[in-house]
Amino acid sequence: MWLQPNRKNDLESASQPLYPTMMESPELRWAFIRKIYSIVALQLVLTIAVGAMVVYVTPITIFFVTTTAGLVLYIVLIVTPIIVLIPLYYYYQRHPVNFLLLGIFTVTLAFAVGLTCAFTSGTVILEAAILTAVVVISLTLYTFWAARKGYDFNFLGPFLFGAVISLMIFSLIQIFFPMGKISTMIYGCLAAIIFSGYIVYDTDNLIKRYSYDEYIWASVSLYLDIINLFLSLLTIFRAADT
């Protein structure tokens, strides 16, 4: 009993709100946060497993590169995650349909990521993965600390949305009018900055704004932030390696 006062220093203590104006139960919010990070961790493990299979099982890569059916399937794999988000929007509260759709979303996106990595050296992939992990952990810890201090990052939403639109236009220009290695590295750097901002923004929403039944959307948001950050860093390192 005499040790209980020391719980005020515990990061997840129920007596400590996550931010100064918090009105809900910290215990419930921490349970929600743990649930989200557990789902995201499973998504990342599944992505790594599928990506490794695509990279190391050579016939899979050959099928996608050398056959028309492989090209068609590759396009399907790229489009499927976007399509799956539509039914996921309507069934995100219906278990187990929501997890089934989330699994399809993750696996198809993992195949696309794996095919991207299949044409990249192992050193570059490792460098991008390590830097992604460092950035994600650092920004997550910073956002939790900043929330405890009373900082709010909701204002980033419109700026980040506009930045993503600009990035998409930039990528389309790159596809039709390639501007070389320097332009590719600039694109990768801008994308890395934008998705680093999204990690802060979505983590702040996770702490303050997501409702308890929005765990699927919160997981999808964080997962996409991490994957897009990894692909951005991969673009930079791959351009620098050539």
C-alpha atoms as a PDB file:
ATOM      1  CA  MET A   1       0.000   0.000   0.000  1.00  0.00           C
ATOM      2  CA  TRP A   2       2.854   2.398   0.800  1.00  0.00           C
ATOM      3  CA  LEU A   3       4.166   1.902  -2.746  1.00  0.00           C
ATOM      4  CA  GLN A   4       0.992   3.137  -4.460  1.00  0.00           C
ATOM      5  CA  PRO A   5       1.923   6.870  -4.479  1.00  0.00           C
ATOM      6  CA  ASN A   6       4.833   6.048  -6.782  1.00  0.00           C
ATOM      7  CA  ARG A   7       2.331   5.128  -9.490  1.00  0.00           C
ATOM      8  CA  LYS A   8       2.085   8.790 -10.382  1.00  0.00           C
ATOM      9  CA  ASN A   9       5.333   8.307 -12.283  1.00  0.00           C
ATOM     10  CA  ASP A  10       3.928   5.381 -14.231  1.00  0.00           C
ATOM     11  CA  LEU A  11       3.295   6.360 -17.846  1.00  0.00           C
ATOM     12  CA  GLU A  12       0.109   4.292 -17.961  1.00  0.00           C
ATOM     13  CA  SER A  13      -1.154   5.127 -14.491  1.00  0.00           C
ATOM     14  CA  ALA A  14      -4.909   5.679 -14.378  1.00  0.00           C
ATOM     15  CA  SER A  15      -4.277   8.798 -12.265  1.00  0.00           C
ATOM     16  CA  GLN A  16      -2.277  10.409 -15.068  1.00  0.00           C
ATOM     17  CA  PRO A  17      -4.251  11.888 -17.987  1.00  0.00           C
ATOM     18  CA  LEU A  18      -2.625  11.599 -21.403  1.00  0.00           C
ATOM     19  CA  TYR A  19      -3.171  15.331 -21.997  1.00  0.00           C
ATOM     20  CA  PRO A  20      -4.175  18.222 -19.717  1.00  0.00           C
ATOM     21  CA  THR A  21      -7.842  18.582 -20.812  1.00  0.00           C
ATOM     22  CA  MET A  22      -8.572  14.842 -20.826  1.00  0.00           C
ATOM     23  CA  MET A  23     -12.089  14.075 -19.559  1.00  0.00           C
ATOM     24  CA  GLU A  24     -12.324  10.332 -20.283  1.00  0.00           C
ATOM     25  CA  SER A  25     -10.812   7.470 -18.314  1.00  0.00           C
ATOM     26  CA  PRO A  26      -7.054   7.138 -18.975  1.00  0.00           C
ATOM     27  CA  GLU A  27      -7.342   3.378 -18.386  1.00  0.00           C
ATOM     28  CA  LEU A  28      -9.868   3.012 -21.225  1.00  0.00           C
ATOM     29  CA  ARG A  29      -7.809   5.170 -23.551  1.00  0.00           C
ATOM     30  CA  TRP A  30      -4.627   3.202 -22.778  1.00  0.00           C
ATOM     31  CA  ALA A  31      -6.484  -0.055 -23.469  1.00  0.00           C
ATOM     32  CA  PHE A  32      -7.604   1.386 -26.810  1.00  0.00           C
ATOM     33  CA  ILE A  33      -4.047   2.495 -27.652  1.00  0.00           C
ATOM     34  CA  ARG A  34      -2.616  -0.928 -26.815  1.00  0.00           C
ATOM     35  CA  LYS A  35      -5.263  -2.540 -29.039  1.00  0.00           C
ATOM     36  CA  ILE A  36      -4.324  -0.297 -31.969  1.00  0.00           C
ATOM     37  CA  TYR A  37      -0.599  -0.941 -31.668  1.00  0.00           C
ATOM     38  CA  SER A  38      -1.220  -4.689 -31.358  1.00  0.00           C
ATOM     39  CA  ILE A  39      -3.194  -4.670 -34.617  1.00  0.00           C
ATOM     40  CA  VAL A  40      -0.565  -2.529 -36.382  1.00  0.00           C
ATOM     41  CA  ALA A  41       2.199  -4.840 -35.143  1.00  0.00           C
ATOM     42  CA  LEU A  42       0.367  -7.863 -36.580  1.00  0.00           C
ATOM     43  CA  GLN A  43      -0.093  -6.006 -39.868  1.00  0.00           C
ATOM     44  CA  LEU A  44       3.623  -5.232 -40.026  1.00  0.00           C
ATOM     45  CA  VAL A  45       4.588  -8.832 -39.229  1.00  0.00           C
ATOM     46  CA  LEU A  46       2.250 -10.049 -41.971  1.00  0.00           C
ATOM     47  CA  THR A  47       3.695  -7.479 -44.380  1.00  0.00           C
ATOM     48  CA  ILE A  48       7.252  -8.570 -43.605  1.00  0.00           C
ATOM     49  CA  ALA A  49       6.338 -12.248 -44.066  1.00  0.00           C
ATOM     50  CA  VAL A  50       4.573 -11.703 -47.394  1.00  0.00           C
ATOM     51  CA  GLY A  51       7.234  -9.263 -48.607  1.00  0.00           C
ATOM     52  CA  ALA A  52      10.043 -11.688 -47.726  1.00  0.00           C
ATOM     53  CA  MET A  53       8.266 -14.478 -49.581  1.00  0.00           C
ATOM     54  CA  VAL A  54       7.952 -12.315 -52.706  1.00  0.00           C
ATOM     55  CA  VAL A  55      11.597 -11.223 -52.502  1.00  0.00           C
ATOM     56  CA  TYR A  56      13.180 -14.611 -51.817  1.00  0.00           C
ATOM     57  CA  VAL A  57      10.924 -16.931 -53.839  1.00  0.00           C
ATOM     58  CA  THR A  58      12.286 -16.105 -57.305  1.00  0.00           C
ATOM     59  CA  PRO A  59       9.501 -17.740 -59.384  1.00  0.00           C
ATOM     60  CA  ILE A  60       6.996 -15.277 -57.896  1.00  0.00           C
ATOM     61  CA  THR A  61       9.010 -12.285 -59.088  1.00  0.00           C
ATOM     62  CA  ILE A  62       9.601 -13.884 -62.498  1.00  0.00           C
ATOM     63  CA  PHE A  63       5.859 -14.521 -62.873  1.00  0.00           C
ATOM     64  CA  PHE A  64       5.005 -10.874 -62.211  1.00  0.00           C
ATOM     65  CA  VAL A  65       7.770  -9.521 -64.451  1.00  0.00           C
ATOM     66  CA  THR A  66       7.671 -11.806 -67.481  1.00  0.00           C
ATOM     67  CA  THR A  67       4.000 -12.713 -67.967  1.00  0.00           C
ATOM     68  CA  THR A  68       0.943 -10.734 -68.984  1.00  0.00           C
ATOM     69  CA  ALA A  69      -1.076 -12.457 -66.284  1.00  0.00           C
ATOM     70  CA  GLY A  70       1.522 -11.332 -63.742  1.00  0.00           C
ATOM     71  CA  LEU A  71       1.214  -7.723 -64.898  1.00  0.00           C
ATOM     72  CA  VAL A  72      -2.573  -7.876 -64.653  1.00  0.00           C
ATOM     73  CA  LEU A  73      -2.344  -9.427 -61.193  1.00  0.00           C
ATOM     74  CA  TYR A  74       0.127  -6.729 -60.132  1.00  0.00           C
ATOM     75  CA  ILE A  75      -2.352  -4.024 -61.160  1.00  0.00           C
ATOM     76  CA  VAL A  76      -5.100  -5.869 -59.257  1.00  0.00           C
ATOM     77  CA  LEU A  77      -2.899  -6.022 -56.148  1.00  0.00           C
ATOM     78  CA  ILE A  78      -2.278  -2.276 -56.323  1.00  0.00           C
ATOM     79  CA  VAL A  79      -5.956  -1.405 -56.811  1.00  0.00           C
ATOM     80  CA  THR A  80      -7.409  -3.916 -54.323  1.00  0.00           C
ATOM     81  CA  PRO A  81      -6.342  -2.105 -51.110  1.00  0.00           C
ATOM     82  CA  ILE A  82      -8.083   1.053 -52.339  1.00  0.00           C
ATOM     83  CA  ILE A  83     -11.237  -0.882 -53.248  1.00  0.00           C
ATOM     84  CA  VAL A  84     -11.279  -2.774 -49.934  1.00  0.00           C
ATOM     85  CA  LEU A  85     -11.360   0.526 -48.031  1.00  0.00           C
ATOM     86  CA  ILE A  86     -14.903   1.120 -49.352  1.00  0.00           C
ATOM     87  CA  PRO A  87     -16.591  -1.906 -47.685  1.00  0.00           C
ATOM     88  CA  LEU A  88     -14.271  -1.445 -44.714  1.00  0.00           C
ATOM     89  CA  TYR A  89     -15.807   2.017 -44.234  1.00  0.00           C
ATOM     90  CA  TYR A  90     -19.269   0.446 -43.850  1.00  0.00           C
ATOM     91  CA  TYR A  91     -18.303  -2.659 -41.878  1.00  0.00           C
ATOM     92  CA  TYR A  92     -15.529  -1.363 -39.620  1.00  0.00           C
ATOM     93  CA  GLN A  93     -17.669  -2.116 -36.542  1.00  0.00           C
ATOM     94  CA  ARG A  94     -18.887  -5.544 -37.658  1.00  0.00           C
ATOM     95  CA  HIS A  95     -16.728  -8.378 -36.340  1.00  0.00           C
ATOM     96  CA  PRO A  96     -15.262 -10.545 -37.900  1.00  0.00           C
ATOM     97  CA  VAL A  97     -15.948  -8.941 -41.298  1.00  0.00           C
ATOM     98  CA  ASN A  98     -13.845  -5.917 -40.373  1.00  0.00           C
ATOM     99  CA  PHE A  99     -10.799  -8.052 -39.565  1.00  0.00           C
ATOM    100  CA  LEU A 100     -11.276 -10.129 -42.737  1.00  0.00           C
ATOM    101  CA  LEU A 101     -11.293  -6.971 -44.858  1.00  0.00           C
ATOM    102  CA  LEU A 102      -8.337  -5.618 -42.925  1.00  0.00           C
ATOM    103  CA  GLY A 103      -6.464  -8.854 -43.632  1.00  0.00           C
ATOM    104  CA  ILE A 104      -7.181  -8.615 -47.377  1.00  0.00           C
ATOM    105  CA  PHE A 105      -6.093  -4.980 -47.342  1.00  0.00           C
ATOM    106  CA  THR A 106      -2.833  -5.828 -45.574  1.00  0.00           C
ATOM    107  CA  VAL A 107      -1.918  -8.888 -47.657  1.00  0.00           C
ATOM    108  CA  THR A 108      -2.531  -7.225 -51.029  1.00  0.00           C
ATOM    109  CA  LEU A 109      -0.583  -4.143 -50.008  1.00  0.00           C
ATOM    110  CA  ALA A 110       2.197  -6.386 -48.671  1.00  0.00           C
ATOM    111  CA  PHE A 111       2.496  -8.060 -52.075  1.00  0.00           C
ATOM    112  CA  ALA A 112       2.900  -4.642 -53.713  1.00  0.00           C
ATOM    113  CA  VAL A 113       5.561  -3.686 -51.159  1.00  0.00           C
ATOM    114  CA  GLY A 114       7.326  -7.009 -51.682  1.00  0.00           C
ATOM    115  CA  LEU A 115       7.435  -6.534 -55.445  1.00  0.00           C
ATOM    116  CA  THR A 116       8.929  -3.084 -54.921  1.00  0.00           C
ATOM    117  CA  CYS A 117      11.611  -4.567 -52.674  1.00  0.00           C
ATOM    118  CA  ALA A 118      12.283  -7.449 -55.096  1.00  0.00           C
ATOM    119  CA  PHE A 119      14.232  -5.110 -57.363  1.00  0.00           C
ATOM    120  CA  THR A 120      16.181  -3.478 -54.552  1.00  0.00           C
ATOM    121  CA  SER A 121      19.406  -4.625 -52.889  1.00  0.00           C
ATOM    122  CA  GLY A 122      19.163  -6.163 -49.437  1.00  0.00           C
ATOM    123  CA  THR A 123      21.417  -3.458 -47.957  1.00  0.00           C
ATOM    124  CA  VAL A 124      19.108  -0.686 -49.162  1.00  0.00           C
ATOM    125  CA  ILE A 125      16.025  -2.490 -47.788  1.00  0.00           C
ATOM    126  CA  LEU A 126      17.727  -2.984 -44.422  1.00  0.00           C
ATOM    127  CA  GLU A 127      18.807   0.669 -44.240  1.00  0.00           C
ATOM    128  CA  ALA A 128      15.300   1.866 -45.061  1.00  0.00           C
ATOM    129  CA  ALA A 129      13.716  -0.539 -42.551  1.00  0.00           C
ATOM    130  CA  ILE A 130      16.067   0.472 -39.709  1.00  0.00           C
ATOM    131  CA  LEU A 131      15.603   4.192 -40.347  1.00  0.00           C
ATOM    132  CA  THR A 132      11.822   3.722 -40.572  1.00  0.00           C
ATOM    133  CA  ALA A 133      11.783   1.966 -37.192  1.00  0.00           C
ATOM    134  CA  VAL A 134      13.913   4.697 -35.593  1.00  0.00           C
ATOM    135  CA  VAL A 135      11.764   7.506 -37.005  1.00  0.00           C
ATOM    136  CA  VAL A 136       8.455   5.852 -36.075  1.00  0.00           C
ATOM    137  CA  ILE A 137       9.517   5.107 -32.498  1.00  0.00           C
ATOM    138  CA  SER A 138      11.036   8.569 -32.031  1.00  0.00           C
ATOM    139  CA  LEU A 139       8.011  10.428 -33.398  1.00  0.00           C
ATOM    140  CA  THR A 140       5.607   8.262 -31.415  1.00  0.00           C
ATOM    141  CA  LEU A 141       7.426   8.929 -28.142  1.00  0.00           C
ATOM    142  CA  TYR A 142       7.662  12.632 -28.974  1.00  0.00           C
ATOM    143  CA  THR A 143       3.914  12.859 -29.718  1.00  0.00           C
ATOM    144  CA  PHE A 144       2.977  11.185 -26.426  1.00  0.00           C
ATOM    145  CA  TRP A 145       5.340  13.532 -24.580  1.00  0.00           C
ATOM    146  CA  ALA A 146       3.989  16.580 -26.433  1.00  0.00           C
ATOM    147  CA  ALA A 147       0.391  15.557 -25.692  1.00  0.00           C
ATOM    148  CA  ARG A 148       1.231  15.276 -21.987  1.00  0.00           C
ATOM    149  CA  LYS A 149       2.650  18.818 -22.162  1.00  0.00           C
ATOM    150  CA  GLY A 150      -0.524  20.146 -23.764  1.00  0.00           C
ATOM    151  CA  TYR A 151       0.577  20.434 -27.410  1.00  0.00           C
ATOM    152  CA  ASP A 152      -1.980  19.701 -30.103  1.00  0.00           C
ATOM    153  CA  PHE A 153      -1.249  18.692 -33.698  1.00  0.00           C
ATOM    154  CA  ASN A 154      -4.761  18.767 -35.139  1.00  0.00           C
ATOM    155  CA  PHE A 155      -3.817  21.864 -37.164  1.00  0.00           C
ATOM    156  CA  LEU A 156      -1.532  19.676 -39.319  1.00  0.00           C
ATOM    157  CA  GLY A 157      -4.465  17.938 -41.021  1.00  0.00           C
ATOM    158  CA  PRO A 158      -5.218  20.435 -43.839  1.00  0.00           C
ATOM    159  CA  PHE A 159      -1.521  21.076 -44.528  1.00  0.00           C
ATOM    160  CA  LEU A 160      -0.708  17.368 -44.756  1.00  0.00           C
ATOM    161  CA  PHE A 161      -3.702  16.711 -47.009  1.00  0.00           C
ATOM    162  CA  GLY A 162      -2.607  19.471 -49.375  1.00  0.00           C
ATOM    163  CA  ALA A 163       0.960  18.143 -49.291  1.00  0.00           C
ATOM    164  CA  VAL A 164      -0.206  14.630 -50.249  1.00  0.00           C
ATOM    165  CA  ILE A 165      -2.190  16.008 -53.194  1.00  0.00           C
ATOM    166  CA  SER A 166       0.904  17.895 -54.363  1.00  0.00           C
ATOM    167  CA  LEU A 167       2.977  14.734 -53.917  1.00  0.00           C
ATOM    168  CA  MET A 168       0.547  12.725 -56.051  1.00  0.00           C
ATOM    169  CA  ILE A 169       0.753  15.310 -58.829  1.00  0.00           C
ATOM    170  CA  PHE A 170       4.543  15.268 -58.536  1.00  0.00           C
ATOM    171  CA  SER A 171       4.562  11.468 -58.887  1.00  0.00           C
ATOM    172  CA  LEU A 172       2.331  11.614 -61.976  1.00  0.00           C
ATOM    173  CA  ILE A 173       4.690  14.131 -63.547  1.00  0.00           C
ATOM    174  CA  GLN A 174       7.581  11.793 -62.733  1.00  0.00           C
ATOM    175  CA  ILE A 175       5.805   8.893 -64.475  1.00  0.00           C
ATOM    176  CA  PHE A 176       5.133  10.728 -67.721  1.00  0.00           C
ATOM    177  CA  PHE A 177       8.121  13.091 -67.683  1.00  0.00           C
ATOM    178  CA  PRO A 178      10.998  11.434 -65.777  1.00  0.00           C
ATOM    179  CA  MET A 179      13.387  14.038 -64.443  1.00  0.00           C
ATOM    180  CA  GLY A 180      16.231  11.837 -63.315  1.00  0.00           C
ATOM    181  CA  LYS A 181      17.899  10.721 -60.121  1.00  0.00           C
ATOM    182  CA  ILE A 182      17.906  14.088 -58.336  1.00  0.00           C
ATOM    183  CA  SER A 183      14.184  14.540 -58.886  1.00  0.00           C
ATOM    184  CA  THR A 184      13.524  11.031 -57.534  1.00  0.00           C
ATOM    185  CA  MET A 185      15.512  11.786 -54.397  1.00  0.00           C
ATOM    186  CA  ILE A 186      13.653  15.083 -53.924  1.00  0.00           C
ATOM    187  CA  TYR A 187      10.356  13.198 -54.243  1.00  0.00           C
ATOM    188  CA  GLY A 188      11.492  10.636 -51.670  1.00  0.00           C
ATOM    189  CA  CYS A 189      12.623  13.329 -49.222  1.00  0.00           C
ATOM    190  CA  LEU A 190       9.354  15.259 -49.525  1.00  0.00           C
ATOM    191  CA  ALA A 191       7.333  12.066 -49.091  1.00  0.00           C
ATOM    192  CA  ALA A 192       9.367  11.069 -46.014  1.00  0.00           C
ATOM    193  CA  ILE A 193       8.742  14.484 -44.416  1.00  0.00           C
ATOM    194  CA  ILE A 194       5.015  14.374 -45.206  1.00  0.00           C
ATOM    195  CA  PHE A 195       4.460  10.872 -43.831  1.00  0.00           C
ATOM    196  CA  SER A 196       6.549  11.669 -40.763  1.00  0.00           C
ATOM    197  CA  GLY A 197       4.089  14.498 -40.207  1.00  0.00           C
ATOM    198  CA  TYR A 198       1.220  12.057 -40.652  1.00  0.00           C
ATOM    199  CA  ILE A 199       2.683   9.767 -37.990  1.00  0.00           C
ATOM    200  CA  VAL A 200       2.613  12.668 -35.516  1.00  0.00           C
ATOM    201  CA  TYR A 201      -0.879  13.738 -36.648  1.00  0.00           C
ATOM    202  CA  ASP A 202      -2.429  10.250 -36.501  1.00  0.00           C
ATOM    203  CA  THR A 203      -0.743   9.417 -33.196  1.00  0.00           C
ATOM    204  CA  ASP A 204      -2.164  12.635 -31.754  1.00  0.00           C
ATOM    205  CA  ASN A 205      -5.612  11.599 -33.032  1.00  0.00           C
ATOM    206  CA  LEU A 206      -5.098   8.177 -31.470  1.00  0.00           C
ATOM    207  CA  ILE A 207      -4.455   9.809 -28.104  1.00  0.00           C
ATOM    208  CA  LYS A 208      -7.250  12.374 -28.233  1.00  0.00           C
ATOM    209  CA  ARG A 209      -9.834  12.000 -30.967  1.00  0.00           C
ATOM    210  CA  TYR A 210     -10.447   8.455 -32.194  1.00  0.00           C
ATOM    211  CA  SER A 211     -13.505   6.880 -30.580  1.00  0.00           C
ATOM    212  CA  TYR A 212     -13.205   3.383 -29.152  1.00  0.00           C
ATOM    213  CA  ASP A 213     -15.111   1.787 -32.053  1.00  0.00           C
ATOM    214  CA  GLU A 214     -12.779   3.317 -34.655  1.00  0.00           C
ATOM    215  CA  TYR A 215      -9.892   0.958 -33.925  1.00  0.00           C
ATOM    216  CA  ILE A 216      -9.878  -0.359 -37.511  1.00  0.00           C
ATOM    217  CA  TRP A 217      -9.492   3.109 -39.042  1.00  0.00           C
ATOM    218  CA  ALA A 218      -6.869   4.086 -36.500  1.00  0.00           C
ATOM    219  CA  SER A 219      -4.895   0.934 -37.329  1.00  0.00           C
ATOM    220  CA  VAL A 220      -5.180   1.495 -41.090  1.00  0.00           C
ATOM    221  CA  SER A 221      -4.014   5.116 -40.728  1.00  0.00           C
ATOM    222  CA  LEU A 222      -0.915   4.280 -38.685  1.00  0.00           C
ATOM    223  CA  TYR A 223      -0.075   1.268 -40.827  1.00  0.00           C
ATOM    224  CA  LEU A 224      -0.249   3.327 -44.029  1.00  0.00           C
ATOM    225  CA  ASP A 225       1.897   6.049 -42.459  1.00  0.00           C
ATOM    226  CA  ILE A 226       4.605   3.525 -41.607  1.00  0.00           C
ATOM    227  CA  ILE A 227       4.486   1.737 -44.970  1.00  0.00           C
ATOM    228  CA  ASN A 228       4.567   4.994 -46.932  1.00  0.00           C
ATOM    229  CA  LEU A 229       7.460   6.275 -44.832  1.00  0.00           C
ATOM    230  CA  PHE A 230       9.371   3.050 -45.525  1.00  0.00           C
ATOM    231  CA  LEU A 231       8.701   3.287 -49.275  1.00  0.00           C
ATOM    232  CA  SER A 232       9.786   6.945 -49.268  1.00  0.00           C
ATOM    233  CA  LEU A 233      13.065   6.127 -47.564  1.00  0.00           C
ATOM    234  CA  LEU A 234      13.508   3.156 -49.882  1.00  0.00           C
ATOM    235  CA  THR A 235      13.144   5.524 -52.843  1.00  0.00           C
ATOM    236  CA  ILE A 236      15.848   7.805 -51.438  1.00  0.00           C
ATOM    237  CA  PHE A 237      18.344   5.038 -50.673  1.00  0.00           C
ATOM    238  CA  ARG A 238      17.685   3.248 -53.950  1.00  0.00           C
ATOM    239  CA  ALA A 239      18.269   6.445 -55.948  1.00  0.00           C
ATOM    240  CA  ALA A 240      21.458   7.141 -53.989  1.00  0.00           C
ATOM    241  CA  ASP A 241      22.630   3.546 -54.565  1.00  0.00           C
ATOM    242  CA  THR A 242      22.396   3.753 -58.356  1.00  0.00           C
END
